[in-house]
Amino acid sequence: MDDSKRLCPRCGERGRATKPETVTHLVREPDRVGLTTTPAIFCATPACEVVYFDANGGTVLKQVVRVPVFQKELGPERPVCYCFEHSVEDVLAAARPDDSNAIVDEIMEACRKGLDRCEETNPQGRCCLGNIRGLLRVEPTRSCCGGS
């Protein structure tokens, strides 16, 4: 796909290809009609209302996606792992003093067993572990007593 076709028509940032089944599972038929090509492109820009777009300018806004989109929301209760229903808050609370994380371990084990469904449940259509690791790099590790 021509790189210029991967630029979000709303914010101008480069998006990432998403498999058709992701859009099919997360966006109702009437709201995805505007997407005329496959694959749809996922826009991860936080301030942009567009979640998916295509090379012909079709868009899907975050308001019609069936789940809150991690990249588009701000609250600690927003989901970061869609397959196993973990929020940002859950992940931060599971951080250990040695920088390991109980939820990361749990997700990795479940994925090894083939229990993940990222392409169907995660709006970006891929594994959440990259988002979780990025979150853990940005957020300070919390101690059990609420300190940093």
Foldseek 3Di string as FASTA:
>chain_A
DPQQLQQQPFPRDGFAFAAPLQCVQFADPVQQVQADDPPWTADLAQVDQFGTAGSVGRTHGQVRTNAHAPSNDDDQCHALFFLVGDGNVNQLVQQDPVRDGPVVVVVVVCVVVVSGDQSNGHSSRDGSVVVSVVSSVPDDRADPVGDD
